[in-house]
Protein backbone atom coordinates (compact mmCIF):
# COMPACT_ATOMS: atom_id res chain seq x y z
CA MET A 1 -36.16 58.56 -48.13
CA SER A 2 -34.12 57.91 -45.06
CA SER A 3 -33.65 54.61 -43.31
CA THR A 4 -32.66 53.97 -39.78
CA THR A 5 -30.60 51.06 -38.60
CA ALA A 6 -31.48 49.57 -35.27
CA VAL A 7 -28.50 48.90 -33.08
CA VAL A 8 -28.85 45.79 -31.01
CA GLU A 9 -26.75 45.88 -27.91
CA ALA A 10 -25.08 42.70 -26.86
CA PRO A 11 -26.23 41.45 -23.52
CA PRO A 12 -23.78 42.11 -20.74
CA ASP A 13 -21.41 39.33 -19.81
CA THR A 14 -22.83 37.24 -17.05
CA ASP A 15 -20.95 34.90 -14.76
CA PRO A 16 -21.73 31.24 -15.19
CA PRO A 17 -24.10 29.87 -12.60
CA PRO A 18 -22.41 28.31 -9.61
CA PRO A 19 -22.12 24.53 -9.71
CA THR A 20 -24.90 22.64 -8.06
CA PRO A 21 -23.74 21.21 -4.73
CA PRO A 22 -23.82 17.41 -4.57
CA THR A 23 -26.77 15.82 -2.88
CA LYS A 24 -26.44 13.58 0.17
CA LEU A 25 -27.00 10.56 -2.03
CA GLN A 26 -24.20 11.64 -4.37
CA LYS A 27 -21.88 12.22 -1.42
CA LEU A 28 -22.72 8.78 -0.05
CA LYS A 29 -22.08 7.19 -3.45
CA ALA A 30 -18.74 8.99 -3.80
CA PHE A 31 -17.73 7.89 -0.30
CA CYS A 32 -18.61 4.26 -1.04
CA VAL A 33 -16.68 4.29 -4.33
CA THR A 34 -13.62 5.90 -2.77
CA ASN A 35 -13.59 3.56 0.23
CA SER A 36 -14.90 0.47 -1.53
CA LEU A 37 -11.96 -1.72 -0.50
CA LEU A 38 -12.24 -0.91 3.21
CA LEU A 39 -16.04 -1.22 3.18
CA GLY A 40 -15.81 -4.48 1.24
CA ILE A 41 -13.38 -5.98 3.75
CA LEU A 42 -15.60 -5.00 6.70
CA LEU A 43 -18.67 -6.42 4.97
CA SER A 44 -16.86 -9.63 4.05
CA ILE A 45 -15.87 -10.23 7.68
CA LEU A 46 -19.47 -9.71 8.81
CA LEU A 47 -20.77 -12.09 6.12
CA ALA A 48 -18.15 -14.64 7.08
CA LEU A 49 -19.28 -14.41 10.70
CA ALA A 50 -22.96 -14.78 9.72
CA TYR A 51 -22.57 -17.91 7.56
CA PRO A 52 -18.97 -19.16 7.44
CA LYS A 53 -19.70 -22.48 5.72
CA LEU A 54 -20.46 -20.70 2.43
CA GLY A 55 -16.94 -19.35 1.99
CA ALA A 56 -15.18 -22.19 3.81
CA VAL A 57 -16.75 -25.08 1.89
CA TYR A 58 -19.32 -24.31 -0.80
CA LEU A 59 -17.32 -21.68 -2.74
CA ALA A 60 -14.29 -24.00 -3.02
CA PRO A 61 -11.78 -21.49 -1.58
CA LYS A 62 -8.79 -23.75 -2.31
CA VAL A 63 -9.44 -23.13 -6.01
CA THR A 64 -11.32 -19.83 -6.25
CA ALA A 65 -9.46 -17.82 -3.61
CA THR A 66 -6.11 -19.56 -3.44
CA TYR A 67 -5.51 -19.81 -7.18
CA ILE A 68 -8.00 -17.94 -9.39
CA CYS A 69 -8.15 -14.69 -7.38
CA VAL A 70 -4.43 -14.56 -6.59
CA ILE A 71 -3.44 -15.25 -10.20
CA TYR A 72 -5.91 -12.62 -11.42
CA ILE A 73 -4.53 -9.98 -9.03
CA PHE A 74 -0.92 -10.52 -10.08
CA LEU A 75 -1.77 -10.83 -13.77
CA LEU A 76 -3.30 -7.34 -13.68
CA SER A 77 -0.32 -6.13 -11.66
CA GLY A 78 2.00 -7.45 -14.37
CA ILE A 79 0.03 -5.70 -17.11
CA SER A 80 0.00 -2.35 -15.29
CA LEU A 81 3.49 -2.48 -13.72
CA LYS A 82 5.50 0.22 -15.51
CA THR A 83 8.90 -1.42 -15.64
CA LYS A 84 10.25 1.31 -17.96
CA GLU A 85 9.93 3.76 -15.08
CA LEU A 86 12.19 1.54 -12.98
CA VAL A 87 15.03 2.41 -15.35
CA ASN A 88 14.19 6.12 -15.52
CA ALA A 89 14.57 6.60 -11.76
CA LEU A 90 17.93 4.84 -11.42
CA SER A 91 19.70 8.22 -11.29
CA ASN A 92 18.65 8.47 -7.62
CA TRP A 93 19.69 4.92 -6.87
CA LYS A 94 21.25 5.75 -3.50
CA PHE A 95 18.07 7.40 -2.26
CA ASN A 96 15.99 4.50 -3.61
CA ALA A 97 18.28 2.00 -1.88
CA VAL A 98 17.89 3.77 1.47
CA VAL A 99 14.10 3.78 1.08
CA GLN A 100 13.96 0.04 0.29
CA VAL A 101 16.33 -0.86 3.13
CA PHE A 102 14.24 1.20 5.55
CA SER A 103 10.90 -0.13 4.26
CA LEU A 104 11.79 -3.82 4.19
CA GLY A 105 14.77 -4.09 6.54
CA VAL A 106 14.57 -1.46 9.27
CA VAL A 107 10.79 -1.60 9.70
CA SER A 108 10.69 -5.41 9.83
CA GLY A 109 13.66 -5.58 12.21
CA LEU A 110 12.27 -3.01 14.64
CA THR A 111 8.81 -4.58 14.48
CA PHE A 112 10.29 -7.99 15.25
CA LEU A 113 11.96 -6.52 18.36
CA LEU A 114 8.69 -4.80 19.31
CA CYS A 115 6.83 -8.11 19.09
CA LYS A 116 9.42 -9.81 21.27
CA LEU A 117 8.93 -7.04 23.85
CA LEU A 118 5.13 -7.36 23.69
CA LEU A 119 5.36 -11.11 24.20
CA ALA A 120 7.70 -10.66 27.15
CA MET A 121 5.15 -8.27 28.69
CA ASN A 122 2.25 -10.68 27.88
CA ALA A 123 0.61 -7.80 26.00
CA THR A 124 -0.36 -9.91 22.98
CA SER A 125 -0.62 -13.47 21.74
CA GLN A 126 2.04 -15.37 19.84
CA ASN A 127 -0.12 -15.54 16.70
CA LEU A 128 -0.86 -11.82 16.59
CA ALA A 129 2.81 -11.00 17.22
CA GLU A 130 3.83 -13.24 14.33
CA GLY A 131 1.16 -11.65 12.15
CA LEU A 132 2.50 -8.18 12.91
CA THR A 133 6.03 -9.33 12.06
CA ILE A 134 4.80 -10.77 8.74
CA THR A 135 3.03 -7.49 7.95
CA ALA A 136 6.23 -5.54 8.60
CA CYS A 137 8.02 -7.74 6.02
CA LEU A 138 5.64 -6.64 3.25
CA PRO A 139 6.60 -3.95 0.68
CA MET A 140 4.94 -0.54 0.46
CA THR A 141 1.61 0.13 -1.20
CA ILE A 142 1.49 1.28 -4.82
CA ASN A 143 -1.57 3.43 -5.39
CA MET A 144 -1.82 4.86 -1.89
CA VAL A 145 1.84 5.92 -1.69
CA ILE A 146 1.72 7.55 -5.13
CA VAL A 147 -1.56 9.38 -4.47
CA LEU A 148 -0.58 10.63 -1.02
CA THR A 149 2.88 11.67 -2.24
CA LYS A 150 1.38 13.65 -5.11
CA SER A 151 -1.29 15.33 -2.96
CA SER A 152 1.36 16.22 -0.37
CA GLY A 153 3.68 17.86 -2.90
CA GLY A 154 6.24 15.06 -2.74
CA ASP A 155 8.38 13.59 -5.51
CA GLU A 156 5.98 11.53 -7.60
CA ALA A 157 8.67 9.95 -9.80
CA SER A 158 10.43 8.50 -6.76
CA ALA A 159 7.09 7.25 -5.45
CA VAL A 160 6.29 5.47 -8.73
CA PHE A 161 9.72 3.85 -8.93
CA ASN A 162 9.99 2.71 -5.33
CA ALA A 163 6.41 1.45 -5.16
CA ALA A 164 6.82 -0.64 -8.32
CA PHE A 165 10.32 -1.86 -7.52
CA GLY A 166 9.49 -2.50 -3.86
CA ASN A 167 6.55 -4.72 -4.74
CA LEU A 168 8.62 -6.63 -7.28
CA LEU A 169 11.39 -7.04 -4.69
CA GLY A 170 8.90 -8.04 -2.01
CA VAL A 171 7.72 -11.06 -3.97
CA PHE A 172 11.18 -12.58 -3.46
CA LEU A 173 12.32 -10.92 -0.23
CA THR A 174 9.19 -11.12 1.94
CA PRO A 175 9.18 -14.95 2.23
CA LEU A 176 12.90 -14.88 3.08
CA LEU A 177 12.37 -12.24 5.78
CA VAL A 178 9.45 -14.17 7.26
CA LEU A 179 11.55 -17.33 7.37
CA ALA A 180 14.46 -15.44 8.95
CA TYR A 181 12.34 -13.86 11.70
CA LEU A 182 9.92 -16.68 12.50
CA GLY A 183 12.13 -19.66 11.67
CA ASP A 184 10.66 -23.04 12.51
CA ASP A 185 7.68 -21.46 14.26
CA SER A 186 6.33 -20.27 10.91
CA SER A 187 5.50 -23.84 9.77
CA ILE A 188 6.64 -23.05 6.23
CA ASP A 189 7.75 -25.69 3.75
CA PHE A 190 9.98 -23.28 1.87
CA LEU A 191 10.38 -25.36 -1.31
CA THR A 192 6.62 -25.83 -1.54
CA VAL A 193 6.09 -22.12 -0.93
CA LEU A 194 8.57 -21.23 -3.69
CA PHE A 195 6.68 -23.45 -6.11
CA LYS A 196 3.33 -21.91 -5.12
CA LEU A 197 4.72 -18.39 -5.40
CA GLY A 198 6.10 -19.26 -8.82
CA VAL A 199 2.74 -20.52 -10.09
CA ARG A 200 0.48 -17.93 -8.43
CA VAL A 201 2.68 -14.83 -8.34
CA LEU A 202 5.77 -14.88 -10.56
CA LEU A 203 4.20 -16.59 -13.57
CA PRO A 204 1.17 -14.22 -13.70
CA LEU A 205 3.51 -11.23 -13.31
CA PHE A 206 5.67 -12.51 -16.16
CA VAL A 207 2.65 -13.17 -18.39
CA GLY A 208 1.34 -9.69 -17.55
CA GLN A 209 4.64 -8.14 -18.61
CA ILE A 210 4.53 -10.08 -21.89
CA ILE A 211 1.02 -8.75 -22.50
CA GLN A 212 2.19 -5.22 -21.72
CA PHE A 213 5.02 -5.27 -24.24
CA PHE A 214 3.69 -7.50 -27.04
CA PHE A 215 -0.12 -7.32 -26.90
CA VAL A 216 -0.77 -3.61 -27.18
CA LYS A 217 -4.52 -3.92 -27.76
CA ILE A 218 -5.04 -5.88 -24.54
CA LYS A 219 -2.86 -3.43 -22.64
CA GLN A 220 -4.81 -0.49 -24.06
CA PHE A 221 -8.14 -2.15 -23.23
CA VAL A 222 -7.04 -2.59 -19.61
CA ALA A 223 -5.83 1.03 -19.50
CA ASP A 224 -9.09 2.35 -21.00
CA ASN A 225 -11.09 0.43 -18.38
CA LYS A 226 -8.69 1.01 -15.53
CA PHE A 227 -11.41 1.91 -13.02
CA TYR A 228 -13.37 -1.30 -13.59
CA PHE A 229 -10.29 -3.52 -13.56
CA LYS A 230 -9.12 -1.88 -10.35
CA LYS A 231 -12.48 -2.53 -8.71
CA SER A 232 -12.45 -6.13 -9.94
CA GLN A 233 -8.99 -6.51 -8.44
CA GLU A 234 -10.33 -5.15 -5.15
CA PHE A 235 -13.24 -7.60 -5.34
CA ALA A 236 -10.79 -10.49 -5.76
CA LEU A 237 -8.87 -9.25 -2.72
CA VAL A 238 -12.07 -8.93 -0.66
CA PHE A 239 -13.07 -12.45 -1.70
CA ILE A 240 -9.74 -13.79 -0.42
CA VAL A 241 -10.27 -12.02 2.92
CA TYR A 242 -13.83 -13.38 3.05
CA THR A 243 -12.76 -17.00 2.57
CA VAL A 244 -9.93 -16.62 5.10
CA PHE A 245 -12.32 -15.49 7.82
CA CYS A 246 -14.98 -18.02 6.78
CA LYS A 247 -12.45 -20.76 7.32
CA ASN A 248 -11.47 -19.32 10.69
CA PHE A 249 -15.07 -18.89 11.90
CA TYR A 250 -16.28 -22.23 10.51
CA ASP A 251 -13.57 -24.67 11.56
CA ASP A 252 -16.12 -27.53 11.49
CA GLY A 253 -17.82 -26.08 14.57
CA THR A 254 -14.94 -27.03 16.85
CA THR A 255 -13.50 -23.58 17.52
CA SER A 256 -15.17 -22.21 20.61
CA SER A 257 -12.54 -20.82 22.90
CA ALA A 258 -9.88 -18.14 22.85
CA SER A 259 -7.18 -20.81 23.16
CA ASP A 260 -8.44 -22.45 19.95
CA VAL A 261 -8.51 -19.18 18.06
CA GLY A 262 -5.12 -18.10 19.35
CA ALA A 263 -6.05 -14.66 20.72
CA THR A 264 -8.62 -13.13 23.02
CA THR A 265 -10.81 -10.15 22.12
CA GLU A 266 -8.79 -7.97 24.49
CA GLU A 267 -5.55 -8.98 22.77
CA VAL A 268 -7.02 -8.11 19.37
CA ILE A 269 -8.12 -4.66 20.60
CA ILE A 270 -4.71 -4.03 22.15
CA MET A 271 -3.04 -5.04 18.88
CA ILE A 272 -5.17 -2.52 16.94
CA VAL A 273 -4.02 0.26 19.28
CA ILE A 274 -0.41 -0.91 19.09
CA ILE A 275 -0.45 -0.89 15.27
CA ALA A 276 -1.78 2.69 15.15
CA PHE A 277 0.91 3.80 17.64
CA TRP A 278 3.63 1.88 15.80
CA ILE A 279 2.83 3.41 12.40
CA ILE A 280 3.14 6.89 13.94
CA MET A 281 6.49 5.94 15.50
CA LEU A 282 7.78 4.60 12.17
CA MET A 283 6.70 7.78 10.38
CA ILE A 284 8.50 9.91 12.96
CA LEU A 285 11.64 7.76 12.65
CA SER A 286 11.63 7.96 8.85
CA TRP A 287 11.07 11.73 8.97
CA ILE A 288 14.05 12.19 11.30
CA THR A 289 16.24 9.83 9.27
CA PHE A 290 15.63 11.57 5.96
CA TYR A 291 15.90 14.99 7.65
CA PHE A 292 19.57 14.21 8.22
CA LEU A 293 20.18 12.41 4.93
CA TYR A 294 18.26 14.78 2.60
CA HIS A 295 17.74 17.93 4.60
CA ASP A 296 17.40 20.23 1.57
CA CYS A 297 15.18 17.93 -0.51
CA PRO A 298 11.65 18.42 0.88
CA THR A 299 9.90 16.49 -1.91
CA LEU A 300 12.03 13.39 -1.26
CA ARG A 301 11.43 13.62 2.48
CA VAL A 302 7.67 13.73 1.95
CA PHE A 303 7.70 10.61 -0.21
CA ALA A 304 9.98 8.81 2.25
CA LEU A 305 7.54 9.55 5.06
CA PHE A 306 4.87 7.49 3.29
CA GLY A 307 7.04 4.98 1.47
CA CYS A 308 8.94 3.86 4.56
CA SER A 309 5.87 3.24 6.74
CA HIS A 310 3.18 1.95 4.36
CA LYS A 311 2.48 -1.75 3.78
CA THR A 312 0.58 -3.22 0.83
CA ILE A 313 -2.68 -5.08 1.36
CA ALA A 314 -3.17 -5.77 -2.35
CA MET A 315 -0.06 -7.96 -2.52
CA GLY A 316 0.12 -8.69 1.19
CA ILE A 317 -3.02 -10.78 1.50
CA PRO A 318 -2.18 -13.02 -1.51
CA LEU A 319 1.41 -13.48 -0.29
CA ILE A 320 0.34 -14.34 3.26
CA THR A 321 -2.32 -16.69 1.89
CA ALA A 322 0.26 -18.42 -0.30
CA LEU A 323 2.57 -18.84 2.68
CA TYR A 324 -0.01 -20.03 5.19
CA GLU A 325 -2.98 -21.41 3.24
CA THR A 326 -3.14 -24.58 5.39
CA SER A 327 -2.36 -22.90 8.71
CA PRO A 328 -5.15 -22.42 11.28
CA LYS A 329 -3.39 -19.16 12.20
CA LEU A 330 -4.08 -17.59 8.78
CA ALA A 331 -6.89 -15.26 9.93
CA LEU A 332 -4.80 -13.85 12.78
CA TYR A 333 -1.80 -13.53 10.48
CA THR A 334 -3.85 -11.36 8.10
CA LEU A 335 -5.47 -9.25 10.84
CA PRO A 336 -2.51 -6.82 11.32
CA ILE A 337 -2.40 -5.83 7.64
CA LEU A 338 -6.19 -5.35 7.68
CA VAL A 339 -5.68 -2.87 10.52
CA TRP A 340 -2.48 -1.33 9.12
CA HIS A 341 -4.08 -0.49 5.75
CA PRO A 342 -6.89 1.88 6.88
CA THR A 343 -4.71 3.36 9.63
CA GLN A 344 -2.00 4.47 7.20
CA LEU A 345 -4.68 5.88 4.90
CA ILE A 346 -6.27 7.95 7.68
CA LEU A 347 -2.94 9.29 8.93
CA GLY A 348 -1.75 10.10 5.40
CA SER A 349 -4.98 11.91 4.54
CA LEU A 350 -4.69 14.05 7.66
CA LEU A 351 -1.06 14.96 6.93
CA ALA A 352 -1.36 15.59 3.16
CA PRO A 353 -2.63 19.23 3.18
CA ARG A 354 -0.16 20.23 5.90
CA LEU A 355 2.75 18.61 4.09
CA SER A 356 1.78 20.26 0.80
CA LYS A 357 1.95 23.69 2.42
CA TRP A 358 5.23 22.81 4.12
CA VAL A 359 6.79 21.70 0.81
CA GLU A 360 5.85 25.01 -0.83
CA ASP A 361 7.31 26.94 2.11
CA GLU A 362 10.52 24.91 1.95
CA LYS A 363 10.86 25.48 -1.79
CA GLY A 364 10.60 29.19 -1.18
CA ARG A 365 13.04 29.12 1.70
CA LEU A 366 15.59 27.02 -0.21
CA ASN A 367 14.93 28.86 -3.50
CA LEU A 368 14.09 25.61 -5.32
CA GLU A 369 12.35 24.95 -8.59
CA ASP A 370 9.09 23.02 -8.67
CA ASP A 371 10.87 19.66 -8.87
CA GLY A 372 12.35 20.17 -5.39
CA PHE A 373 15.91 19.41 -6.59
CA THR A 374 17.02 22.31 -8.75
CA LYS A 375 18.14 25.48 -7.01
CA LYS A 376 17.37 28.84 -8.59
CA ARG A 377 20.33 31.11 -9.24
CA GLY A 378 19.16 34.02 -11.33
CA SER A 379 18.89 32.71 -14.88
CA GLU A 380 21.01 29.66 -14.12
CA SER A 381 20.14 26.47 -12.33
CA GLU A 382 22.22 24.06 -10.38
CA GLN A 383 21.17 20.47 -9.97
CA PHE A 384 21.66 19.09 -6.51
CA THR A 385 23.54 15.83 -6.33
CA ILE A 386 21.56 13.36 -4.29
CA ASP A 387 24.33 11.57 -2.53
CA ILE A 388 24.47 10.20 0.96
CA GLY A 389 27.61 11.37 2.64
CA GLU A 390 27.75 14.58 0.62
CA GLU A 391 24.37 15.78 1.87
CA GLU A 392 25.41 15.56 5.54
CA ASN A 393 28.96 14.58 6.42
CA ASN A 394 28.15 13.68 10.00
CA VAL A 395 25.39 11.19 9.15
CA LEU A 396 25.90 7.67 10.51
C-alpha cells in the first residue's frame, strides 16, 4: 500500500503594504505639536488684547509669572543641563571661545551700533531699539541650535556644549552687557536685579543640578517624561508672555496713544522687517568669519552659522522680565525676541537640507571621516588640530 505526501508550497514573499498616509487631521495635530510654542505665544497675545485685566490683575502676575513660572523654567533647565558634556568638549576650547565671543560680544556690539543708526535715521523708537539691543545680549538657543545643527550635518557635540555653556554664561553676562550698552537709560537697579536673578535663576539652576547628581529617581522621571515637561516649560513661558502683554494692554485704561505705548504700529512693522534682515546679515558674517578660521572643518562651520546668530526665548523672556518687571517698556523690550525666535527657526529650516548636502560634498572633497575632523589617509587617520592661527595664518 503506497502513500503519497502532499507538498505544501510556501506562499511567495510579499512586500509589506505601504504605510497609510496621514490624514489632514493628523497633519494638523502634528503641526500644532511641533509649533506649539509659537502658536501659544500668538494666542496669548490675542487673549491679552481681548481681556487684559485677567492677566494683569486677577492672575496675580507678580507671583505666578514673575516667580513661580520663572523658577519652574530654570529648575527644569538645571535638571536637564548636561554639565558633564561641558567638560568633554573642552578639547576645542579655542573654537568654543570664538563662538561665545561672536554670539554674545560681536552680535550685541554690532546690533547696538545698528540701533544707534536706526535712531539717527528716525527709523524706529527708542524703546524698540533698546529691546533689540537687549535681545542681542541674550545667549543662543539650546534645543533649536542642536536640532538644526544635527539635521544640517553639523557638529552636534559642539552644539551641545556651546548651547549649554552659553546659556549658563548668559545668566551672568547678559545683565552686564545690557547695563554696559543702555547705561542709565535702562532704569536698572543692578543690586536688586542681582538679588532677583539669584532667587529666580541661579538658585533654581543650582537646585536642579543637585537633583541631577544626587536624586537619580527624580532625574529619571523627568527624562522619561521629557515631552510633557518640555511642553509644561513652554506653557510657563507662554504664560509669562501673556501677563507681560496683559499688563501693557491694560495699564488701568490710561494707555491710548502711540506716545504712551512708546512705538507706533509702523515702527513695529519696520522693526520686524529689520530683525529678519539683521539675522540674515549676522548669518552671512558668521559664515564668512568661520570660513577663514576653520575653512576645512565643514561641520564646525555649520554649527557656527546657527550658534552665532540664534537667541534664546526660553531663557530670554524670564531674564528680560527679571530685569524690567516694573518697567512700562517691558512689552516692547520683549517684542524683538518674540520676532527673532520664529524668524531664526524659519531660516534654519530652509537652510538645513541644503547645508546637509553641502557638508557631505565637503567631506568627500576634503576626504574626511564622518566626524568632519579626521582626514582619511589609506588605513591611517590624522586628526586635525583645531587651532586659530594654524588654520589660516593670515586671519586677523
